[in-house]
Amino acid sequence: MNPLFEAVIAFHIVVGAFFIFVGSFGLLKLPSFMARLHAPSKSTTLGVGGCLVASMLQLLGETGTVSVQEILITFFLFMTAPVTAHFLALTYLHTQREIDESLPQPGSNSNWSTLGGEVAGAVPETASNVEQPN
């Protein structure tokens, strides 16, 4: 095989190994769940992708054929890792949020989402159009 081609393969392996190391190190050392989630979902995905590209180039250099399996693995890896990280982040946000009891209940007739401002098209409450309780 051509030495330049082997150098390109070695470059992809080294870059992939670097990203895998950074992602694994971040998974161990970062303080919170959201920070730890970012490390493997981004950098480790790039690291595994770099190693897969190196493997595809190696097979291409030796046999002259393209590996369909490795292309599919790379495709599914880059499609599923961000989606999985997104769902994990949403699950974390929904389970860790504190419920604010001062918010009005749904269906109540208050303009809490406008922070006290007037709603477009709404009639302001004045003494003449407010119903008086019996």
Protein backbone atom coordinates (compact mmCIF):
# COMPACT_ATOMS: atom_id res chain seq x y z
CA MET A 1 0.00 0.00 0.00
CA ASN A 2 1.11 3.58 -0.63
CA PRO A 3 2.89 5.16 2.41
CA LEU A 4 0.89 8.37 1.97
CA PHE A 5 -2.34 6.36 2.09
CA GLU A 6 -1.13 4.64 5.27
CA ALA A 7 -0.32 8.04 6.79
CA VAL A 8 -3.89 9.20 6.10
CA ILE A 9 -5.22 6.06 7.78
CA ALA A 10 -2.93 6.56 10.77
CA PHE A 11 -4.03 10.21 11.01
CA HIS A 12 -7.69 9.15 11.19
CA ILE A 13 -6.91 6.57 13.87
CA VAL A 14 -4.96 9.08 15.99
CA VAL A 15 -7.63 11.78 15.65
CA GLY A 16 -10.37 9.24 16.42
CA ALA A 17 -8.48 7.96 19.47
CA PHE A 18 -7.98 11.54 20.68
CA PHE A 19 -11.69 12.31 20.46
CA ILE A 20 -12.58 9.04 22.20
CA PHE A 21 -10.14 9.88 25.00
CA VAL A 22 -11.51 13.42 25.40
CA GLY A 23 -15.10 12.14 25.48
CA SER A 24 -14.29 9.43 28.01
CA PHE A 25 -12.30 11.84 30.18
CA GLY A 26 -15.16 14.34 30.08
CA LEU A 27 -17.62 11.62 31.05
CA LEU A 28 -15.56 10.88 34.15
CA LYS A 29 -14.53 14.37 35.23
CA LEU A 30 -17.34 16.79 34.39
CA PRO A 31 -19.48 17.79 37.39
CA SER A 32 -23.13 17.58 36.32
CA PHE A 33 -25.27 15.24 34.29
CA MET A 34 -25.84 17.75 31.51
CA ALA A 35 -22.10 18.42 31.16
CA ARG A 36 -21.32 14.69 31.25
CA LEU A 37 -23.95 14.08 28.61
CA HIS A 38 -22.27 16.48 26.19
CA ALA A 39 -18.85 14.78 26.25
CA PRO A 40 -19.74 11.29 24.98
CA SER A 41 -22.52 12.40 22.69
CA LYS A 42 -20.29 14.75 20.72
CA SER A 43 -16.63 13.89 20.97
CA THR A 44 -16.87 10.12 21.35
CA THR A 45 -19.18 10.02 18.33
CA LEU A 46 -16.54 11.86 16.32
CA GLY A 47 -13.86 9.51 17.64
CA VAL A 48 -15.68 6.36 16.65
CA GLY A 49 -16.51 7.98 13.30
CA GLY A 50 -12.80 8.70 12.71
CA CYS A 51 -11.87 5.09 13.49
CA LEU A 52 -14.59 3.84 11.14
CA VAL A 53 -13.30 6.10 8.36
CA ALA A 54 -9.80 4.71 8.95
CA SER A 55 -11.16 1.18 8.74
CA MET A 56 -12.99 1.99 5.50
CA LEU A 57 -9.82 3.46 4.02
CA GLN A 58 -7.81 0.41 5.08
CA LEU A 59 -10.23 -1.95 3.34
CA LEU A 60 -10.29 0.30 0.29
CA GLY A 61 -6.49 0.28 0.12
CA GLU A 62 -6.15 -3.49 0.53
CA THR A 63 -9.00 -4.84 -1.58
CA GLY A 64 -10.16 -1.86 -3.62
CA THR A 65 -13.75 -2.25 -2.40
CA VAL A 66 -15.88 0.00 -0.23
CA SER A 67 -17.33 -1.45 2.97
CA VAL A 68 -21.08 -0.95 2.97
CA GLN A 69 -21.35 -2.23 6.55
CA GLU A 70 -19.02 0.43 7.91
CA ILE A 71 -20.81 3.14 5.98
CA LEU A 72 -24.10 2.00 7.52
CA ILE A 73 -22.56 1.85 11.01
CA THR A 74 -21.23 5.38 10.59
CA PHE A 75 -24.60 6.62 9.30
CA PHE A 76 -26.56 5.07 12.17
CA LEU A 77 -24.02 6.27 14.72
CA PHE A 78 -24.24 9.87 13.55
CA MET A 79 -28.05 9.70 13.38
CA THR A 80 -28.79 7.98 16.70
CA ALA A 81 -26.21 9.52 19.08
CA PRO A 82 -27.58 13.10 18.93
CA VAL A 83 -31.18 11.90 19.16
CA THR A 84 -30.37 9.76 22.19
CA ALA A 85 -28.54 12.64 23.87
CA HIS A 86 -31.49 14.93 23.17
CA PHE A 87 -33.97 12.51 24.75
CA LEU A 88 -31.73 12.00 27.79
CA ALA A 89 -31.47 15.77 28.24
CA LEU A 90 -35.25 16.19 27.96
CA THR A 91 -35.82 13.41 30.47
CA TYR A 92 -33.38 15.03 32.87
CA LEU A 93 -35.04 18.42 32.50
CA HIS A 94 -38.51 16.99 33.12
CA THR A 95 -37.49 14.96 36.17
CA GLN A 96 -35.27 17.58 37.84
CA ARG A 97 -37.36 20.69 37.46
CA GLU A 98 -38.96 22.14 40.53
CA ILE A 99 -42.68 22.81 40.35
CA ASP A 100 -43.51 26.46 40.97
CA GLU A 101 -46.70 26.58 43.01
CA SER A 102 -47.20 30.31 42.36
CA LEU A 103 -48.18 29.74 38.73
CA PRO A 104 -51.93 29.73 38.01
CA GLN A 105 -53.67 26.52 37.14
CA PRO A 106 -54.42 25.82 33.46
CA GLY A 107 -57.81 27.08 32.41
CA SER A 108 -57.88 29.99 34.83
CA ASN A 109 -58.70 33.37 33.38
CA SER A 110 -55.39 35.10 34.07
CA ASN A 111 -52.77 36.62 31.83
CA TRP A 112 -49.76 35.21 33.67
CA SER A 113 -47.87 34.44 30.45
CA THR A 114 -47.79 38.12 29.52
CA LEU A 115 -46.21 39.11 32.85
CA GLY A 116 -48.96 41.57 33.66
CA GLY A 117 -49.05 43.20 30.24
CA GLU A 118 -52.10 43.54 28.09
CA VAL A 119 -53.00 40.74 25.73
CA ALA A 120 -53.37 41.76 22.08
CA GLY A 121 -57.05 42.12 21.27
CA ALA A 122 -58.18 41.73 24.88
CA VAL A 123 -60.54 44.23 26.46
CA PRO A 124 -58.88 45.81 29.51
CA GLU A 125 -60.70 45.23 32.77
CA THR A 126 -62.39 48.39 33.94
CA ALA A 127 -65.09 49.03 36.45
CA SER A 128 -67.74 49.07 33.71
CA ASN A 129 -67.09 45.67 32.13
CA VAL A 130 -66.16 43.58 35.19
CA GLU A 131 -68.96 41.38 36.47
CA GLN A 132 -69.84 42.00 40.05
CA PRO A 133 -70.37 38.92 42.21
CA ASN A 134 -73.85 38.45 43.66
